[in-house]
Amino acid sequence: MAPAAGGEAHFQRGSLPWFTAIALSFGYYTWVVFWPQSVPYQSLGPLGLFTQYLVDHHHTLLHSGYWLAWLIHVGESLYAMFLCKG
């Protein structure tokens, strides 16, 4: 990206740890929403116990939240593309 008038770039590349954390989180969320019977809850410690509680008591909310998260991310990217058109 070309530098702006003050020598600063408007956009910066995201860091690899954030990309990794987000990808793993969405992967885990997808696994829990679509294949909850195959998740080894007991092996995941407190996260597994919390996830099992959510799956057992709030699966509809998890499923709706999953699609809402994707909708928000797609909308956000489309809005960014709209703003960046020159």
Protein backbone atom coordinates (compact mmCIF):
# COMPACT_ATOMS: atom_id res chain seq x y z
CA MET A 1 0.00 0.00 0.00
CA ALA A 2 1.29 3.43 -0.90
CA PRO A 3 2.00 5.79 1.99
CA ALA A 4 -0.42 8.64 2.62
CA ALA A 5 0.47 12.33 2.55
CA GLY A 6 2.07 12.24 6.02
CA GLY A 7 4.09 9.12 5.21
CA GLU A 8 1.73 6.84 7.12
CA ALA A 9 -0.16 3.94 5.58
CA HIS A 10 -3.93 3.99 6.06
CA PHE A 11 -4.20 0.21 6.31
CA GLN A 12 -1.98 -2.26 8.08
CA ARG A 13 -1.80 -6.01 7.71
CA GLY A 14 -3.29 -7.93 10.63
CA SER A 15 -0.99 -9.98 12.80
CA LEU A 16 -0.65 -13.74 12.41
CA PRO A 17 -1.60 -14.54 16.04
CA TRP A 18 -4.96 -12.76 15.59
CA PHE A 19 -5.66 -14.50 12.28
CA THR A 20 -4.81 -17.85 13.89
CA ALA A 21 -6.98 -17.22 16.97
CA ILE A 22 -9.96 -16.16 14.85
CA ALA A 23 -9.63 -19.10 12.45
CA LEU A 24 -9.37 -21.61 15.32
CA SER A 25 -12.30 -20.02 17.15
CA PHE A 26 -14.56 -20.13 14.11
CA GLY A 27 -13.44 -23.69 13.43
CA TYR A 28 -14.32 -24.72 16.99
CA TYR A 29 -17.65 -22.89 16.79
CA THR A 30 -18.47 -24.64 13.50
CA TRP A 31 -17.57 -28.02 15.01
CA VAL A 32 -19.76 -27.39 18.07
CA VAL A 33 -22.76 -26.16 16.07
CA PHE A 34 -22.81 -28.83 13.34
CA TRP A 35 -21.17 -31.89 14.97
CA PRO A 36 -21.70 -31.51 18.75
CA GLN A 37 -21.74 -35.29 19.32
CA SER A 38 -18.11 -35.62 18.16
CA VAL A 39 -16.58 -32.95 20.43
CA PRO A 40 -14.45 -34.44 23.27
CA TYR A 41 -15.85 -32.14 25.97
CA GLN A 42 -14.15 -33.89 28.90
CA SER A 43 -10.72 -33.48 27.28
CA LEU A 44 -11.07 -29.72 26.88
CA GLY A 45 -11.22 -28.80 30.56
CA PRO A 46 -13.32 -25.78 31.56
CA LEU A 47 -13.89 -24.78 27.93
CA GLY A 48 -15.32 -28.22 27.20
CA LEU A 49 -17.62 -28.15 30.21
CA PHE A 50 -18.90 -24.69 29.30
CA THR A 51 -19.36 -25.70 25.67
CA GLN A 52 -21.24 -28.85 26.66
CA TYR A 53 -23.57 -26.78 28.85
CA LEU A 54 -24.25 -24.41 25.94
CA VAL A 55 -24.88 -27.30 23.53
CA ASP A 56 -27.19 -29.08 25.98
CA HIS A 57 -29.21 -26.03 27.03
CA HIS A 58 -28.84 -23.38 24.30
CA HIS A 59 -28.16 -25.14 21.00
CA THR A 60 -30.70 -23.03 19.09
CA LEU A 61 -29.01 -19.88 20.34
CA LEU A 62 -25.58 -21.25 19.32
CA HIS A 63 -26.89 -22.08 15.84
CA SER A 64 -28.50 -18.65 15.39
CA GLY A 65 -25.40 -16.91 16.74
CA TYR A 66 -23.22 -18.82 14.30
CA TRP A 67 -25.14 -17.56 11.29
CA LEU A 68 -25.36 -14.05 12.76
CA ALA A 69 -21.56 -13.97 13.16
CA TRP A 70 -21.09 -14.97 9.50
CA LEU A 71 -23.67 -12.41 8.39
CA ILE A 72 -21.92 -9.65 10.34
CA HIS A 73 -18.50 -10.59 8.90
CA VAL A 74 -19.80 -10.69 5.31
CA GLY A 75 -21.62 -7.38 5.79
CA GLU A 76 -18.52 -5.84 7.31
CA SER A 77 -16.37 -6.93 4.37
CA LEU A 78 -18.89 -5.66 1.81
CA TYR A 79 -19.08 -2.33 3.62
CA ALA A 80 -15.26 -2.09 3.65
CA MET A 81 -15.17 -2.80 -0.09
CA PHE A 82 -17.79 -0.08 -0.63
CA LEU A 83 -15.79 2.44 1.40
CA CYS A 84 -12.53 1.63 -0.36
CA LYS A 85 -13.84 2.06 -3.90
CA GLY A 86 -12.11 5.04 -5.37
